[in-house]
Amino acid sequence: MSAAPYVLEFGMGVDVHGQDCTKAACRAVSDAIRHSSLPFFQDVREHGGTMLVDVTVGVPDPASVKVDVVRRELPHGEVTVRPVSGGLRVPGSDTLIACAAITVSVQYPQEPRR
């Protein structure tokens, strides 16, 4: 089965005083999904489709991201979170910024071959 991408969203999140990559990543994901309303997903579910939600989040310390915590920011679909090197540690500050890219694809069951 192949999945067709339908949505690509971007978000930014900041942890102002804690340098917590997970907190900034959660805020970036939350920011991204707040930009969209996707009513066609009800139709996807009614037709047996599966939403595949792929999150790539850039942070200064990807190994510190608690993937399960970030995953809980997404209310629907089969969610995959991949932290990568990126974002920004603000010089002279205890602030860091995370950037998230979220791709939502839809996968439908294959029709039986005749």
PDB file of N, CA and C in Angstrom:
ATOM      1  N   MET A   1       0.840  -1.186   0.000  1.00  0.00           N
ATOM      2  CA  MET A   1       0.000   0.000   0.000  1.00  0.00           C
ATOM      3  C   MET A   1       0.882   1.245   0.000  1.00  0.00           C
ATOM      4  N   SER A   2       0.474   2.223  -0.762  1.00  0.00           N
ATOM      5  CA  SER A   2       1.194   3.491  -0.732  1.00  0.00           C
ATOM      6  C   SER A   2       0.277   4.549  -0.128  1.00  0.00           C
ATOM      7  N   ALA A   3       0.904   5.552   0.425  1.00  0.00           N
ATOM      8  CA  ALA A   3       0.152   6.630   1.058  1.00  0.00           C
ATOM      9  C   ALA A   3       0.329   7.895   0.233  1.00  0.00           C
ATOM     10  N   ALA A   4      -0.766   8.613   0.049  1.00  0.00           N
ATOM     11  CA  ALA A   4      -0.728   9.877  -0.686  1.00  0.00           C
ATOM     12  C   ALA A   4      -0.672  11.022   0.317  1.00  0.00           C
ATOM     13  N   PRO A   5       0.331  11.916   0.201  1.00  0.00           N
ATOM     14  CA  PRO A   5       0.392  13.057   1.110  1.00  0.00           C
ATOM     15  C   PRO A   5      -0.684  14.084   0.767  1.00  0.00           C
ATOM     16  N   TYR A   6      -1.361  14.599   1.793  1.00  0.00           N
ATOM     17  CA  TYR A   6      -2.429  15.572   1.608  1.00  0.00           C
ATOM     18  C   TYR A   6      -2.138  16.913   2.280  1.00  0.00           C
ATOM     19  N   VAL A   7      -1.370  16.900   3.364  1.00  0.00           N
ATOM     20  CA  VAL A   7      -1.179  18.115   4.148  1.00  0.00           C
ATOM     21  C   VAL A   7       0.288  18.231   4.538  1.00  0.00           C
ATOM     22  N   LEU A   8       0.812  19.436   4.449  1.00  0.00           N
ATOM     23  CA  LEU A   8       2.143  19.746   4.962  1.00  0.00           C
ATOM     24  C   LEU A   8       2.011  21.030   5.756  1.00  0.00           C
ATOM     25  N   GLU A   9       2.336  20.961   7.032  1.00  0.00           N
ATOM     26  CA  GLU A   9       2.232  22.125   7.911  1.00  0.00           C
ATOM     27  C   GLU A   9       3.566  22.363   8.619  1.00  0.00           C
ATOM     28  N   PHE A  10       3.784  23.608   9.031  1.00  0.00           N
ATOM     29  CA  PHE A  10       5.009  23.980   9.708  1.00  0.00           C
ATOM     30  C   PHE A  10       4.664  24.736  10.980  1.00  0.00           C
ATOM     31  N   GLY A  11       5.507  24.581  11.982  1.00  0.00           N
ATOM     32  CA  GLY A  11       5.294  25.313  13.220  1.00  0.00           C
ATOM     33  C   GLY A  11       6.611  25.608  13.919  1.00  0.00           C
ATOM     34  N   MET A  12       6.556  26.549  14.832  1.00  0.00           N
ATOM     35  CA  MET A  12       7.714  26.920  15.620  1.00  0.00           C
ATOM     36  C   MET A  12       7.309  26.941  17.085  1.00  0.00           C
ATOM     37  N   GLY A  13       8.187  26.439  17.941  1.00  0.00           N
ATOM     38  CA  GLY A  13       7.928  26.457  19.371  1.00  0.00           C
ATOM     39  C   GLY A  13       9.161  26.904  20.127  1.00  0.00           C
ATOM     40  N   VAL A  14       8.940  27.573  21.235  1.00  0.00           N
ATOM     41  CA  VAL A  14      10.038  28.146  22.010  1.00  0.00           C
ATOM     42  C   VAL A  14       9.921  27.717  23.464  1.00  0.00           C
ATOM     43  N   ASP A  15      11.042  27.314  24.054  1.00  0.00           N
ATOM     44  CA  ASP A  15      11.125  27.194  25.504  1.00  0.00           C
ATOM     45  C   ASP A  15      11.972  28.377  25.946  1.00  0.00           C
ATOM     46  N   VAL A  16      11.333  29.334  26.586  1.00  0.00           N
ATOM     47  CA  VAL A  16      11.958  30.626  26.853  1.00  0.00           C
ATOM     48  C   VAL A  16      13.049  30.563  27.914  1.00  0.00           C
ATOM     49  N   HIS A  17      12.863  29.771  28.969  1.00  0.00           N
ATOM     50  CA  HIS A  17      13.852  29.800  30.045  1.00  0.00           C
ATOM     51  C   HIS A  17      14.350  28.436  30.493  1.00  0.00           C
ATOM     52  N   GLY A  18      13.985  27.362  29.800  1.00  0.00           N
ATOM     53  CA  GLY A  18      14.369  26.064  30.320  1.00  0.00           C
ATOM     54  C   GLY A  18      15.292  25.246  29.457  1.00  0.00           C
ATOM     55  N   GLN A  19      15.526  25.671  28.222  1.00  0.00           N
ATOM     56  CA  GLN A  19      16.326  24.906  27.274  1.00  0.00           C
ATOM     57  C   GLN A  19      15.852  23.462  27.177  1.00  0.00           C
ATOM     58  N   ASP A  20      14.529  23.272  27.214  1.00  0.00           N
ATOM     59  CA  ASP A  20      13.920  21.942  27.168  1.00  0.00           C
ATOM     60  C   ASP A  20      13.471  21.670  25.730  1.00  0.00           C
ATOM     61  N   CYS A  21      14.213  20.810  25.035  1.00  0.00           N
ATOM     62  CA  CYS A  21      13.908  20.515  23.628  1.00  0.00           C
ATOM     63  C   CYS A  21      12.538  19.867  23.471  1.00  0.00           C
ATOM     64  N   THR A  22      12.121  19.036  24.428  1.00  0.00           N
ATOM     65  CA  THR A  22      10.812  18.399  24.333  1.00  0.00           C
ATOM     66  C   THR A  22       9.703  19.432  24.428  1.00  0.00           C
ATOM     67  N   LYS A  23       9.818  20.361  25.363  1.00  0.00           N
ATOM     68  CA  LYS A  23       8.798  21.399  25.511  1.00  0.00           C
ATOM     69  C   LYS A  23       8.713  22.257  24.249  1.00  0.00           C
ATOM     70  N   ALA A  24       9.851  22.652  23.705  1.00  0.00           N
ATOM     71  CA  ALA A  24       9.860  23.453  22.483  1.00  0.00           C
ATOM     72  C   ALA A  24       9.290  22.653  21.306  1.00  0.00           C
ATOM     73  N   ALA A  25       9.623  21.360  21.229  1.00  0.00           N
ATOM     74  CA  ALA A  25       9.103  20.506  20.156  1.00  0.00           C
ATOM     75  C   ALA A  25       7.588  20.380  20.252  1.00  0.00           C
ATOM     76  N   CYS A  26       7.056  20.184  21.458  1.00  0.00           N
ATOM     77  CA  CYS A  26       5.605  20.100  21.647  1.00  0.00           C
ATOM     78  C   CYS A  26       4.934  21.394  21.211  1.00  0.00           C
ATOM     79  N   ARG A  27       5.529  22.507  21.544  1.00  0.00           N
ATOM     80  CA  ARG A  27       4.951  23.793  21.164  1.00  0.00           C
ATOM     81  C   ARG A  27       5.010  24.004  19.654  1.00  0.00           C
ATOM     82  N   ALA A  28       6.062  23.523  19.001  1.00  0.00           N
ATOM     83  CA  ALA A  28       6.161  23.641  17.545  1.00  0.00           C
ATOM     84  C   ALA A  28       5.094  22.797  16.855  1.00  0.00           C
ATOM     85  N   VAL A  29       4.876  21.587  17.357  1.00  0.00           N
ATOM     86  CA  VAL A  29       3.842  20.717  16.790  1.00  0.00           C
ATOM     87  C   VAL A  29       2.467  21.321  17.012  1.00  0.00           C
ATOM     88  N   SER A  30       2.222  21.806  18.219  1.00  0.00           N
ATOM     89  CA  SER A  30       0.942  22.437  18.534  1.00  0.00           C
ATOM     90  C   SER A  30       0.707  23.643  17.628  1.00  0.00           C
ATOM     91  N   ASP A  31       1.740  24.444  17.422  1.00  0.00           N
ATOM     92  CA  ASP A  31       1.635  25.609  16.542  1.00  0.00           C
ATOM     93  C   ASP A  31       1.270  25.171  15.124  1.00  0.00           C
ATOM     94  N   ALA A  32       1.890  24.128  14.629  1.00  0.00           N
ATOM     95  CA  ALA A  32       1.634  23.673  13.263  1.00  0.00           C
ATOM     96  C   ALA A  32       0.200  23.194  13.079  1.00  0.00           C
ATOM     97  N   ILE A  33      -0.311  22.412  13.995  1.00  0.00           N
ATOM     98  CA  ILE A  33      -1.651  21.857  13.788  1.00  0.00           C
ATOM     99  C   ILE A  33      -2.746  22.875  14.037  1.00  0.00           C
ATOM    100  N   ARG A  34      -2.452  23.963  14.694  1.00  0.00           N
ATOM    101  CA  ARG A  34      -3.454  24.991  14.936  1.00  0.00           C
ATOM    102  C   ARG A  34      -3.719  25.841  13.703  1.00  0.00           C
ATOM    103  N   HIS A  35      -2.932  25.635  12.644  1.00  0.00           N
ATOM    104  CA  HIS A  35      -3.101  26.401  11.413  1.00  0.00           C
ATOM    105  C   HIS A  35      -4.109  25.768  10.467  1.00  0.00           C
ATOM    106  N   SER A  36      -4.603  24.581  10.792  1.00  0.00           N
ATOM    107  CA  SER A  36      -5.425  23.843   9.832  1.00  0.00           C
ATOM    108  C   SER A  36      -6.692  23.301  10.462  1.00  0.00           C
ATOM    109  N   SER A  37      -7.696  23.213   9.634  1.00  0.00           N
ATOM    110  CA  SER A  37      -8.888  22.434   9.943  1.00  0.00           C
ATOM    111  C   SER A  37      -9.042  21.478   8.770  1.00  0.00           C
ATOM    112  N   LEU A  38      -9.080  20.193   9.054  1.00  0.00           N
ATOM    113  CA  LEU A  38      -9.031  19.200   7.995  1.00  0.00           C
ATOM    114  C   LEU A  38     -10.274  18.314   8.030  1.00  0.00           C
ATOM    115  N   PRO A  39     -11.410  18.843   7.559  1.00  0.00           N
ATOM    116  CA  PRO A  39     -12.660  18.089   7.652  1.00  0.00           C
ATOM    117  C   PRO A  39     -12.709  16.840   6.779  1.00  0.00           C
ATOM    118  N   PHE A  40     -11.847  16.730   5.771  1.00  0.00           N
ATOM    119  CA  PHE A  40     -11.905  15.558   4.897  1.00  0.00           C
ATOM    120  C   PHE A  40     -11.450  14.281   5.594  1.00  0.00           C
ATOM    121  N   PHE A  41     -10.832  14.395   6.777  1.00  0.00           N
ATOM    122  CA  PHE A  41     -10.371  13.188   7.461  1.00  0.00           C
ATOM    123  C   PHE A  41     -11.518  12.329   7.980  1.00  0.00           C
ATOM    124  N   GLN A  42     -12.680  12.914   8.221  1.00  0.00           N
ATOM    125  CA  GLN A  42     -13.839  12.104   8.604  1.00  0.00           C
ATOM    126  C   GLN A  42     -14.196  11.179   7.444  1.00  0.00           C
ATOM    127  N   ASP A  43     -14.155  11.701   6.232  1.00  0.00           N
ATOM    128  CA  ASP A  43     -14.435  10.895   5.051  1.00  0.00           C
ATOM    129  C   ASP A  43     -13.392   9.781   4.893  1.00  0.00           C
ATOM    130  N   VAL A  44     -12.141  10.093   5.189  1.00  0.00           N
ATOM    131  CA  VAL A  44     -11.074   9.091   5.106  1.00  0.00           C
ATOM    132  C   VAL A  44     -11.382   7.924   6.040  1.00  0.00           C
ATOM    133  N   ARG A  45     -11.739   8.233   7.275  1.00  0.00           N
ATOM    134  CA  ARG A  45     -12.052   7.180   8.245  1.00  0.00           C
ATOM    135  C   ARG A  45     -13.264   6.364   7.798  1.00  0.00           C
ATOM    136  N   GLU A  46     -14.283   7.039   7.260  1.00  0.00           N
ATOM    137  CA  GLU A  46     -15.494   6.337   6.820  1.00  0.00           C
ATOM    138  C   GLU A  46     -15.214   5.375   5.668  1.00  0.00           C
ATOM    139  N   HIS A  47     -14.166   5.642   4.898  1.00  0.00           N
ATOM    140  CA  HIS A  47     -13.830   4.780   3.762  1.00  0.00           C
ATOM    141  C   HIS A  47     -12.662   3.844   4.077  1.00  0.00           C
ATOM    142  N   GLY A  48     -12.374   3.663   5.351  1.00  0.00           N
ATOM    143  CA  GLY A  48     -11.358   2.700   5.760  1.00  0.00           C
ATOM    144  C   GLY A  48      -9.932   3.159   5.602  1.00  0.00           C
ATOM    145  N   GLY A  49      -9.745   4.445   5.386  1.00  0.00           N
ATOM    146  CA  GLY A  49      -8.390   4.962   5.231  1.00  0.00           C
ATOM    147  C   GLY A  49      -7.698   5.144   6.570  1.00  0.00           C
ATOM    148  N   THR A  50      -6.406   5.243   6.508  1.00  0.00           N
ATOM    149  CA  THR A  50      -5.581   5.472   7.697  1.00  0.00           C
ATOM    150  C   THR A  50      -4.801   6.753   7.502  1.00  0.00           C
ATOM    151  N   MET A  51      -4.823   7.616   8.518  1.00  0.00           N
ATOM    152  CA  MET A  51      -4.018   8.835   8.481  1.00  0.00           C
ATOM    153  C   MET A  51      -2.635   8.520   9.037  1.00  0.00           C
ATOM    154  N   LEU A  52      -1.628   8.855   8.272  1.00  0.00           N
ATOM    155  CA  LEU A  52      -0.241   8.678   8.697  1.00  0.00           C
ATOM    156  C   LEU A  52       0.330  10.069   8.935  1.00  0.00           C
ATOM    157  N   VAL A  53       0.718  10.346  10.159  1.00  0.00           N
ATOM    158  CA  VAL A  53       1.200  11.668  10.531  1.00  0.00           C
ATOM    159  C   VAL A  53       2.691  11.562  10.833  1.00  0.00           C
ATOM    160  N   ASP A  54       3.500  12.192   9.983  1.00  0.00           N
ATOM    161  CA  ASP A  54       4.951  12.156  10.144  1.00  0.00           C
ATOM    162  C   ASP A  54       5.441  13.524  10.598  1.00  0.00           C
ATOM    163  N   VAL A  55       6.090  13.545  11.749  1.00  0.00           N
ATOM    164  CA  VAL A  55       6.589  14.778  12.335  1.00  0.00           C
ATOM    165  C   VAL A  55       8.108  14.750  12.316  1.00  0.00           C
ATOM    166  N   THR A  56       8.698  15.783  11.744  1.00  0.00           N
ATOM    167  CA  THR A  56      10.136  15.999  11.856  1.00  0.00           C
ATOM    168  C   THR A  56      10.307  17.284  12.638  1.00  0.00           C
ATOM    169  N   VAL A  57      11.049  17.202  13.724  1.00  0.00           N
ATOM    170  CA  VAL A  57      11.231  18.391  14.557  1.00  0.00           C
ATOM    171  C   VAL A  57      12.725  18.641  14.738  1.00  0.00           C
ATOM    172  N   GLY A  58      13.137  19.869  14.367  1.00  0.00           N
ATOM    173  CA  GLY A  58      14.534  20.268  14.495  1.00  0.00           C
ATOM    174  C   GLY A  58      14.763  20.984  15.816  1.00  0.00           C
ATOM    175  N   VAL A  59      15.689  20.437  16.592  1.00  0.00           N
ATOM    176  CA  VAL A  59      16.035  21.009  17.901  1.00  0.00           C
ATOM    177  C   VAL A  59      17.554  20.929  18.081  1.00  0.00           C
ATOM    178  N   PRO A  60      18.113  21.769  18.957  1.00  0.00           N
ATOM    179  CA  PRO A  60      19.560  21.736  19.157  1.00  0.00           C
ATOM    180  C   PRO A  60      20.084  20.401  19.707  1.00  0.00           C
ATOM    181  N   ASP A  61      19.273  19.689  20.480  1.00  0.00           N
ATOM    182  CA  ASP A  61      19.705  18.416  21.070  1.00  0.00           C
ATOM    183  C   ASP A  61      18.649  17.344  20.818  1.00  0.00           C
ATOM    184  N   PRO A  62      18.635  16.743  19.616  1.00  0.00           N
ATOM    185  CA  PRO A  62      17.568  15.795  19.271  1.00  0.00           C
ATOM    186  C   PRO A  62      17.483  14.585  20.198  1.00  0.00           C
ATOM    187  N   ALA A  63      18.583  14.147  20.752  1.00  0.00           N
ATOM    188  CA  ALA A  63      18.568  12.973  21.638  1.00  0.00           C
ATOM    189  C   ALA A  63      17.791  13.231  22.924  1.00  0.00           C
ATOM    190  N   SER A  64      17.599  14.488  23.277  1.00  0.00           N
ATOM    191  CA  SER A  64      16.895  14.807  24.528  1.00  0.00           C
ATOM    192  C   SER A  64      15.376  14.852  24.367  1.00  0.00           C
ATOM    193  N   VAL A  65      14.885  14.758  23.140  1.00  0.00           N
ATOM    194  CA  VAL A  65      13.444  14.861  22.909  1.00  0.00           C
ATOM    195  C   VAL A  65      12.744  13.578  23.340  1.00  0.00           C
ATOM    196  N   LYS A  66      11.728  13.729  24.154  1.00  0.00           N
ATOM    197  CA  LYS A  66      10.891  12.606  24.582  1.00  0.00           C
ATOM    198  C   LYS A  66       9.810  12.430  23.521  1.00  0.00           C
ATOM    199  N   VAL A  67      10.054  11.506  22.601  1.00  0.00           N
ATOM    200  CA  VAL A  67       9.209  11.316  21.430  1.00  0.00           C
ATOM    201  C   VAL A  67       7.762  11.013  21.830  1.00  0.00           C
ATOM    202  N   ASP A  68       7.557  10.206  22.861  1.00  0.00           N
ATOM    203  CA  ASP A  68       6.194   9.857  23.277  1.00  0.00           C
ATOM    204  C   ASP A  68       5.421  11.080  23.750  1.00  0.00           C
ATOM    205  N   VAL A  69       6.107  12.033  24.376  1.00  0.00           N
ATOM    206  CA  VAL A  69       5.448  13.262  24.833  1.00  0.00           C
ATOM    207  C   VAL A  69       5.036  14.108  23.630  1.00  0.00           C
ATOM    208  N   VAL A  70       5.923  14.247  22.660  1.00  0.00           N
ATOM    209  CA  VAL A  70       5.612  15.022  21.448  1.00  0.00           C
ATOM    210  C   VAL A  70       4.473  14.349  20.684  1.00  0.00           C
ATOM    211  N   ARG A  71       4.495  13.031  20.596  1.00  0.00           N
ATOM    212  CA  ARG A  71       3.452  12.279  19.869  1.00  0.00           C
ATOM    213  C   ARG A  71       2.063  12.596  20.418  1.00  0.00           C
ATOM    214  N   ARG A  72       1.949  12.817  21.715  1.00  0.00           N
ATOM    215  CA  ARG A  72       0.641  13.093  22.333  1.00  0.00           C
ATOM    216  C   ARG A  72       0.059  14.442  21.910  1.00  0.00           C
ATOM    217  N   GLU A  73       0.839  15.289  21.267  1.00  0.00           N
ATOM    218  CA  GLU A  73       0.326  16.568  20.772  1.00  0.00           C
ATOM    219  C   GLU A  73      -0.599  16.384  19.567  1.00  0.00           C
ATOM    220  N   LEU A  74      -0.508  15.236  18.905  1.00  0.00           N
ATOM    221  CA  LEU A  74      -1.295  14.976  17.699  1.00  0.00           C
ATOM    222  C   LEU A  74      -2.526  14.167  18.060  1.00  0.00           C
ATOM    223  N   PRO A  75      -3.723  14.697  17.758  1.00  0.00           N
ATOM    224  CA  PRO A  75      -4.957  14.048  18.209  1.00  0.00           C
ATOM    225  C   PRO A  75      -5.428  12.870  17.364  1.00  0.00           C
ATOM    226  N   HIS A  76      -4.901  12.715  16.141  1.00  0.00           N
ATOM    227  CA  HIS A  76      -5.425  11.681  15.253  1.00  0.00           C
ATOM    228  C   HIS A  76      -4.294  11.037  14.463  1.00  0.00           C
ATOM    229  N   GLY A  77      -4.554   9.833  14.002  1.00  0.00           N
ATOM    230  CA  GLY A  77      -3.662   9.169  13.071  1.00  0.00           C
ATOM    231  C   GLY A  77      -2.581   8.347  13.732  1.00  0.00           C
ATOM    232  N   GLU A  78      -1.839   7.652  12.873  1.00  0.00           N
ATOM    233  CA  GLU A  78      -0.666   6.899  13.300  1.00  0.00           C
ATOM    234  C   GLU A  78       0.517   7.852  13.209  1.00  0.00           C
ATOM    235  N   VAL A  79       1.045   8.239  14.371  1.00  0.00           N
ATOM    236  CA  VAL A  79       2.014   9.327  14.454  1.00  0.00           C
ATOM    237  C   VAL A  79       3.435   8.791  14.600  1.00  0.00           C
ATOM    238  N   THR A  80       4.328   9.330  13.770  1.00  0.00           N
ATOM    239  CA  THR A  80       5.753   9.057  13.868  1.00  0.00           C
ATOM    240  C   THR A  80       6.457  10.381  14.115  1.00  0.00           C
ATOM    241  N   VAL A  81       7.320  10.417  15.131  1.00  0.00           N
ATOM    242  CA  VAL A  81       8.065  11.640  15.456  1.00  0.00           C
ATOM    243  C   VAL A  81       9.550  11.355  15.271  1.00  0.00           C
ATOM    244  N   ARG A  82      10.216  12.249  14.528  1.00  0.00           N
ATOM    245  CA  ARG A  82      11.645  12.094  14.279  1.00  0.00           C
ATOM    246  C   ARG A  82      12.360  13.401  14.640  1.00  0.00           C
ATOM    247  N   PRO A  83      13.050  13.426  15.786  1.00  0.00           N
ATOM    248  CA  PRO A  83      13.847  14.607  16.127  1.00  0.00           C
ATOM    249  C   PRO A  83      15.150  14.620  15.317  1.00  0.00           C
ATOM    250  N   VAL A  84      15.495  15.796  14.816  1.00  0.00           N
ATOM    251  CA  VAL A  84      16.737  15.960  14.053  1.00  0.00           C
ATOM    252  C   VAL A  84      17.472  17.196  14.559  1.00  0.00           C
ATOM    253  N   SER A  85      18.742  17.290  14.212  1.00  0.00           N
ATOM    254  CA  SER A  85      19.516  18.479  14.584  1.00  0.00           C
ATOM    255  C   SER A  85      18.976  19.689  13.852  1.00  0.00           C
ATOM    256  N   GLY A  86      18.766  20.759  14.584  1.00  0.00           N
ATOM    257  CA  GLY A  86      18.252  21.982  13.977  1.00  0.00           C
ATOM    258  C   GLY A  86      17.809  22.934  15.056  1.00  0.00           C
ATOM    259  N   GLY A  87      16.831  23.736  14.736  1.00  0.00           N
ATOM    260  CA  GLY A  87      16.355  24.713  15.701  1.00  0.00           C
ATOM    261  C   GLY A  87      17.426  25.745  15.996  1.00  0.00           C
ATOM    262  N   LEU A  88      17.319  26.350  17.158  1.00  0.00           N
ATOM    263  CA  LEU A  88      18.253  27.414  17.522  1.00  0.00           C
ATOM    264  C   LEU A  88      18.373  27.512  19.027  1.00  0.00           C
ATOM    265  N   ARG A  89      19.602  27.546  19.497  1.00  0.00           N
ATOM    266  CA  ARG A  89      19.881  27.894  20.885  1.00  0.00           C
ATOM    267  C   ARG A  89      20.264  29.370  20.827  1.00  0.00           C
ATOM    268  N   VAL A  90      19.431  30.239  21.409  1.00  0.00           N
ATOM    269  CA  VAL A  90      19.630  31.683  21.294  1.00  0.00           C
ATOM    270  C   VAL A  90      20.892  32.090  22.059  1.00  0.00           C
ATOM    271  N   PRO A  91      21.849  32.721  21.381  1.00  0.00           N
ATOM    272  CA  PRO A  91      23.097  33.123  22.038  1.00  0.00           C
ATOM    273  C   PRO A  91      22.838  34.080  23.203  1.00  0.00           C
ATOM    274  N   GLY A  92      23.548  33.861  24.291  1.00  0.00           N
ATOM    275  CA  GLY A  92      23.445  34.737  25.454  1.00  0.00           C
ATOM    276  C   GLY A  92      22.137  34.604  26.200  1.00  0.00           C
ATOM    277  N   SER A  93      21.431  33.481  26.017  1.00  0.00           N
ATOM    278  CA  SER A  93      20.110  33.309  26.613  1.00  0.00           C
ATOM    279  C   SER A  93      19.911  31.839  26.970  1.00  0.00           C
ATOM    280  N   ASP A  94      18.915  31.592  27.791  1.00  0.00           N
ATOM    281  CA  ASP A  94      18.555  30.197  28.074  1.00  0.00           C
ATOM    282  C   ASP A  94      17.317  29.794  27.275  1.00  0.00           C
ATOM    283  N   THR A  95      17.152  30.403  26.099  1.00  0.00           N
ATOM    284  CA  THR A  95      16.011  30.157  25.223  1.00  0.00           C
ATOM    285  C   THR A  95      16.436  29.275  24.056  1.00  0.00           C
ATOM    286  N   LEU A  96      15.548  28.348  23.682  1.00  0.00           N
ATOM    287  CA  LEU A  96      15.789  27.582  22.470  1.00  0.00           C
ATOM    288  C   LEU A  96      14.517  27.499  21.654  1.00  0.00           C
ATOM    289  N   ILE A  97      14.704  27.316  20.359  1.00  0.00           N
ATOM    290  CA  ILE A  97      13.602  27.300  19.407  1.00  0.00           C
ATOM    291  C   ILE A  97      13.621  25.967  18.650  1.00  0.00           C
ATOM    292  N   ALA A  98      12.454  25.376  18.512  1.00  0.00           N
ATOM    293  CA  ALA A  98      12.284  24.154  17.721  1.00  0.00           C
ATOM    294  C   ALA A  98      11.444  24.478  16.493  1.00  0.00           C
ATOM    295  N   CYS A  99      11.716  23.804  15.395  1.00  0.00           N
ATOM    296  CA  CYS A  99      10.927  23.938  14.174  1.00  0.00           C
ATOM    297  C   CYS A  99      10.363  22.564  13.820  1.00  0.00           C
ATOM    298  N   ALA A 100       9.081  22.519  13.491  1.00  0.00           N
ATOM    299  CA  ALA A 100       8.431  21.254  13.155  1.00  0.00           C
ATOM    300  C   ALA A 100       7.853  21.302  11.754  1.00  0.00           C
ATOM    301  N   ALA A 101       7.974  20.179  11.055  1.00  0.00           N
ATOM    302  CA  ALA A 101       7.305  19.972   9.773  1.00  0.00           C
ATOM    303  C   ALA A 101       6.446  18.727   9.938  1.00  0.00           C
ATOM    304  N   ILE A 102       5.170  18.860   9.627  1.00  0.00           N
ATOM    305  CA  ILE A 102       4.234  17.747   9.779  1.00  0.00           C
ATOM    306  C   ILE A 102       3.645  17.422   8.410  1.00  0.00           C
ATOM    307  N   THR A 103       3.771  16.176   8.014  1.00  0.00           N
ATOM    308  CA  THR A 103       3.169  15.698   6.777  1.00  0.00           C
ATOM    309  C   THR A 103       2.090  14.696   7.136  1.00  0.00           C
ATOM    310  N   VAL A 104       0.889  14.917   6.609  1.00  0.00           N
ATOM    311  CA  VAL A 104      -0.217  13.988   6.832  1.00  0.00           C
ATOM    312  C   VAL A 104      -0.520  13.314   5.503  1.00  0.00           C
ATOM    313  N   SER A 105      -0.426  12.003   5.513  1.00  0.00           N
ATOM    314  CA  SER A 105      -0.725  11.205   4.330  1.00  0.00           C
ATOM    315  C   SER A 105      -1.915  10.313   4.634  1.00  0.00           C
ATOM    316  N   VAL A 106      -2.534   9.836   3.577  1.00  0.00           N
ATOM    317  CA  VAL A 106      -3.671   8.930   3.740  1.00  0.00           C
ATOM    318  C   VAL A 106      -3.357   7.645   2.995  1.00  0.00           C
ATOM    319  N   GLN A 107      -3.623   6.555   3.673  1.00  0.00           N
ATOM    320  CA  GLN A 107      -3.424   5.235   3.084  1.00  0.00           C
ATOM    321  C   GLN A 107      -4.764   4.514   3.087  1.00  0.00           C
ATOM    322  N   TYR A 108      -5.149   4.011   1.929  1.00  0.00           N
ATOM    323  CA  TYR A 108      -6.397   3.252   1.818  1.00  0.00           C
ATOM    324  C   TYR A 108      -6.063   1.779   1.644  1.00  0.00           C
ATOM    325  N   PRO A 109      -6.943   0.914   2.129  1.00  0.00           N
ATOM    326  CA  PRO A 109      -6.706  -0.513   1.913  1.00  0.00           C
ATOM    327  C   PRO A 109      -6.719  -0.813   0.412  1.00  0.00           C
ATOM    328  N   GLN A 110      -5.913  -1.779   0.028  1.00  0.00           N
ATOM    329  CA  GLN A 110      -5.881  -2.138  -1.387  1.00  0.00           C
ATOM    330  C   GLN A 110      -7.163  -2.868  -1.762  1.00  0.00           C
ATOM    331  N   GLU A 111      -7.606  -2.572  -2.948  1.00  0.00           N
ATOM    332  CA  GLU A 111      -8.762  -3.288  -3.485  1.00  0.00           C
ATOM    333  C   GLU A 111      -8.301  -4.685  -3.875  1.00  0.00           C
ATOM    334  N   PRO A 112      -9.099  -5.700  -3.614  1.00  0.00           N
ATOM    335  CA  PRO A 112      -8.701  -7.036  -4.031  1.00  0.00           C
ATOM    336  C   PRO A 112      -8.586  -7.121  -5.550  1.00  0.00           C
ATOM    337  N   ARG A 113      -7.562  -7.801  -6.017  1.00  0.00           N
ATOM    338  CA  ARG A 113      -7.390  -7.964  -7.472  1.00  0.00           C
ATOM    339  C   ARG A 113      -8.325  -9.044  -7.975  1.00  0.00           C
ATOM    340  N   ARG A 114      -8.850  -8.831  -9.147  1.00  0.00           N
ATOM    341  CA  ARG A 114      -9.790  -9.809  -9.731  1.00  0.00           C
ATOM    342  C   ARG A 114      -9.146 -10.535 -10.871  1.00  0.00           C
TER     343      ARG A 114
END
